[in-house]
Amino acid sequence: MSSKSTILTTDDNEHWYLDCNEPKFKNKEYIGDSLTIEFSKKNIEILINNGEDLVIEVKAGSNLYNIIKDM
């Protein structure tokens, strides 16, 4: 059985999911599972990637863009 709970998938094999094998805790209290986001580089552009920030633009017209827009 998979530990991944899919949020979305695209035609380009992009996958957003929660993983129950990656629980997170704060002050010993469960706060949720990690969220993993997989991108196809053809559908995004990295605008900023430095020591503090990662800014990603999702390209209009991509399957990922349309799914997010319709959410």
N, C-alpha and C. Protein backbone atom coordinates (compact mmCIF):
# COMPACT_ATOMS: atom_id res chain seq x y z
N MET A 1 0.85 -1.17 0.00
CA MET A 1 0.00 0.00 0.00
C MET A 1 0.89 1.24 0.00
N SER A 2 0.51 2.23 -0.78
CA SER A 2 1.28 3.47 -0.87
C SER A 2 1.05 4.35 0.35
N SER A 3 2.10 5.06 0.72
CA SER A 3 1.99 6.02 1.82
C SER A 3 1.64 7.41 1.30
N LYS A 4 1.50 7.54 -0.03
CA LYS A 4 1.25 8.82 -0.66
C LYS A 4 -0.23 9.05 -0.91
N SER A 5 -0.71 10.22 -0.52
CA SER A 5 -2.09 10.61 -0.75
C SER A 5 -2.07 11.72 -1.81
N THR A 6 -2.44 11.37 -3.04
CA THR A 6 -2.33 12.28 -4.18
C THR A 6 -3.29 13.46 -4.06
N ILE A 7 -2.74 14.64 -4.31
CA ILE A 7 -3.53 15.86 -4.41
C ILE A 7 -3.84 16.13 -5.88
N LEU A 8 -2.78 16.02 -6.73
CA LEU A 8 -2.98 16.15 -8.17
C LEU A 8 -1.87 15.46 -8.93
N THR A 9 -2.18 15.05 -10.15
CA THR A 9 -1.19 14.56 -11.10
C THR A 9 -1.50 15.21 -12.45
N THR A 10 -0.47 15.27 -13.31
CA THR A 10 -0.66 15.88 -14.62
C THR A 10 -0.26 14.91 -15.72
N ASP A 11 -0.53 15.32 -16.94
CA ASP A 11 -0.14 14.53 -18.11
C ASP A 11 1.37 14.43 -18.26
N ASP A 12 2.10 15.33 -17.61
CA ASP A 12 3.57 15.35 -17.69
C ASP A 12 4.22 14.69 -16.48
N ASN A 13 3.47 13.83 -15.79
CA ASN A 13 3.96 13.06 -14.65
C ASN A 13 4.36 13.94 -13.47
N GLU A 14 3.74 15.12 -13.37
CA GLU A 14 3.92 15.94 -12.18
C GLU A 14 3.00 15.38 -11.11
N HIS A 15 3.42 15.48 -9.87
CA HIS A 15 2.68 14.82 -8.79
C HIS A 15 2.79 15.66 -7.53
N TRP A 16 1.66 15.97 -6.93
CA TRP A 16 1.62 16.65 -5.64
C TRP A 16 0.95 15.68 -4.67
N TYR A 17 1.59 15.45 -3.52
CA TYR A 17 1.03 14.47 -2.59
C TYR A 17 1.48 14.71 -1.15
N LEU A 18 0.65 14.20 -0.24
CA LEU A 18 0.99 14.13 1.17
C LEU A 18 1.54 12.73 1.42
N ASP A 19 2.55 12.62 2.28
CA ASP A 19 3.17 11.32 2.55
C ASP A 19 3.10 11.03 4.03
N CYS A 20 2.30 10.01 4.40
CA CYS A 20 2.13 9.68 5.82
C CYS A 20 3.39 9.06 6.43
N ASN A 21 4.39 8.73 5.61
CA ASN A 21 5.67 8.27 6.14
C ASN A 21 6.58 9.43 6.51
N GLU A 22 6.09 10.67 6.34
CA GLU A 22 6.86 11.87 6.67
C GLU A 22 6.07 12.77 7.63
N PRO A 23 5.66 12.23 8.78
CA PRO A 23 4.90 13.06 9.73
C PRO A 23 5.78 14.16 10.33
N LYS A 24 5.18 15.29 10.60
CA LYS A 24 5.90 16.42 11.21
C LYS A 24 5.30 16.75 12.56
N PHE A 25 6.15 17.12 13.49
CA PHE A 25 5.75 17.41 14.86
C PHE A 25 6.30 18.76 15.29
N LYS A 26 5.57 19.44 16.16
CA LYS A 26 6.02 20.68 16.78
C LYS A 26 5.71 20.56 18.26
N ASN A 27 6.73 20.71 19.07
CA ASN A 27 6.57 20.53 20.52
C ASN A 27 5.97 19.16 20.83
N LYS A 28 6.44 18.13 20.11
CA LYS A 28 6.01 16.73 20.26
C LYS A 28 4.56 16.50 19.87
N GLU A 29 3.91 17.49 19.24
CA GLU A 29 2.52 17.34 18.80
C GLU A 29 2.49 17.23 17.28
N TYR A 30 1.75 16.24 16.79
CA TYR A 30 1.62 16.03 15.35
C TYR A 30 0.95 17.23 14.70
N ILE A 31 1.57 17.78 13.65
CA ILE A 31 1.00 18.93 12.96
C ILE A 31 0.63 18.62 11.51
N GLY A 32 1.01 17.46 10.99
CA GLY A 32 0.65 17.09 9.63
C GLY A 32 1.73 16.30 8.93
N ASP A 33 1.42 15.84 7.73
CA ASP A 33 2.37 15.11 6.91
C ASP A 33 3.04 16.05 5.93
N SER A 34 4.24 15.69 5.49
CA SER A 34 4.94 16.51 4.50
C SER A 34 4.18 16.53 3.18
N LEU A 35 4.25 17.65 2.50
CA LEU A 35 3.67 17.82 1.17
C LEU A 35 4.82 17.86 0.18
N THR A 36 4.81 16.96 -0.78
CA THR A 36 5.84 16.90 -1.82
C THR A 36 5.23 17.37 -3.13
N ILE A 37 5.96 18.23 -3.84
CA ILE A 37 5.51 18.77 -5.12
C ILE A 37 6.59 18.47 -6.17
N GLU A 38 6.21 17.68 -7.18
CA GLU A 38 7.12 17.34 -8.27
C GLU A 38 6.70 18.12 -9.52
N PHE A 39 7.66 18.81 -10.14
CA PHE A 39 7.40 19.60 -11.33
C PHE A 39 8.13 19.02 -12.54
N SER A 40 7.57 19.23 -13.72
CA SER A 40 8.29 19.03 -14.97
C SER A 40 8.90 20.38 -15.32
N LYS A 41 10.19 20.42 -15.57
CA LYS A 41 10.86 21.69 -15.83
C LYS A 41 10.33 22.40 -17.07
N LYS A 42 9.69 21.65 -17.97
CA LYS A 42 9.16 22.31 -19.16
C LYS A 42 7.92 23.15 -18.85
N ASN A 43 7.32 22.94 -17.68
CA ASN A 43 6.09 23.65 -17.31
C ASN A 43 6.30 24.78 -16.32
N ILE A 44 7.54 24.97 -15.90
CA ILE A 44 7.81 26.01 -14.90
C ILE A 44 9.02 26.83 -15.31
N GLU A 45 9.15 27.97 -14.67
CA GLU A 45 10.37 28.76 -14.76
C GLU A 45 10.73 29.16 -13.34
N ILE A 46 11.98 28.93 -12.97
CA ILE A 46 12.45 29.33 -11.65
C ILE A 46 12.88 30.78 -11.74
N LEU A 47 12.16 31.65 -11.03
CA LEU A 47 12.42 33.08 -11.08
C LEU A 47 13.47 33.51 -10.06
N ILE A 48 13.40 32.90 -8.88
CA ILE A 48 14.36 33.21 -7.81
C ILE A 48 14.71 31.90 -7.11
N ASN A 49 15.99 31.67 -6.91
CA ASN A 49 16.46 30.49 -6.18
C ASN A 49 17.73 30.90 -5.45
N ASN A 50 17.55 31.39 -4.21
CA ASN A 50 18.70 31.82 -3.43
C ASN A 50 18.65 31.15 -2.06
N GLY A 51 19.42 31.62 -1.15
CA GLY A 51 19.51 31.00 0.17
C GLY A 51 18.23 31.06 0.98
N GLU A 52 17.34 31.96 0.64
CA GLU A 52 16.11 32.13 1.42
C GLU A 52 14.83 31.86 0.65
N ASP A 53 14.84 32.07 -0.66
CA ASP A 53 13.60 32.02 -1.42
C ASP A 53 13.70 31.12 -2.64
N LEU A 54 12.57 30.51 -2.98
CA LEU A 54 12.40 29.79 -4.23
C LEU A 54 11.08 30.26 -4.81
N VAL A 55 11.14 30.94 -5.96
CA VAL A 55 9.95 31.45 -6.61
C VAL A 55 9.84 30.75 -7.96
N ILE A 56 8.69 30.10 -8.16
CA ILE A 56 8.46 29.32 -9.37
C ILE A 56 7.23 29.86 -10.09
N GLU A 57 7.38 30.10 -11.37
CA GLU A 57 6.26 30.50 -12.22
C GLU A 57 5.77 29.27 -12.97
N VAL A 58 4.47 29.00 -12.89
CA VAL A 58 3.88 27.91 -13.66
C VAL A 58 3.42 28.49 -14.99
N LYS A 59 3.88 27.90 -16.07
CA LYS A 59 3.62 28.45 -17.40
C LYS A 59 2.16 28.27 -17.81
N ALA A 60 1.57 29.36 -18.28
CA ALA A 60 0.19 29.34 -18.77
C ALA A 60 0.08 28.36 -19.92
N GLY A 61 -1.03 27.66 -19.96
CA GLY A 61 -1.29 26.70 -21.02
C GLY A 61 -0.86 25.28 -20.69
N SER A 62 -0.03 25.10 -19.65
CA SER A 62 0.38 23.75 -19.27
C SER A 62 -0.77 23.06 -18.53
N ASN A 63 -0.75 21.74 -18.52
CA ASN A 63 -1.76 20.97 -17.82
C ASN A 63 -1.77 21.34 -16.33
N LEU A 64 -0.58 21.52 -15.75
CA LEU A 64 -0.47 21.91 -14.34
C LEU A 64 -1.13 23.26 -14.11
N TYR A 65 -0.87 24.22 -14.97
CA TYR A 65 -1.48 25.56 -14.86
C TYR A 65 -3.01 25.44 -14.86
N ASN A 66 -3.54 24.67 -15.82
CA ASN A 66 -5.00 24.54 -15.92
C ASN A 66 -5.61 23.87 -14.72
N ILE A 67 -4.93 22.86 -14.17
CA ILE A 67 -5.45 22.18 -12.96
C ILE A 67 -5.48 23.15 -11.78
N ILE A 68 -4.39 23.87 -11.58
CA ILE A 68 -4.32 24.82 -10.45
C ILE A 68 -5.37 25.93 -10.62
N LYS A 69 -5.46 26.45 -11.82
CA LYS A 69 -6.42 27.54 -12.09
C LYS A 69 -7.85 27.10 -11.79
N ASP A 70 -8.17 25.84 -12.08
CA ASP A 70 -9.52 25.33 -11.88
C ASP A 70 -9.82 24.88 -10.45
N MET A 71 -8.81 24.88 -9.58
CA MET A 71 -9.01 24.43 -8.19
C MET A 71 -9.83 25.43 -7.40
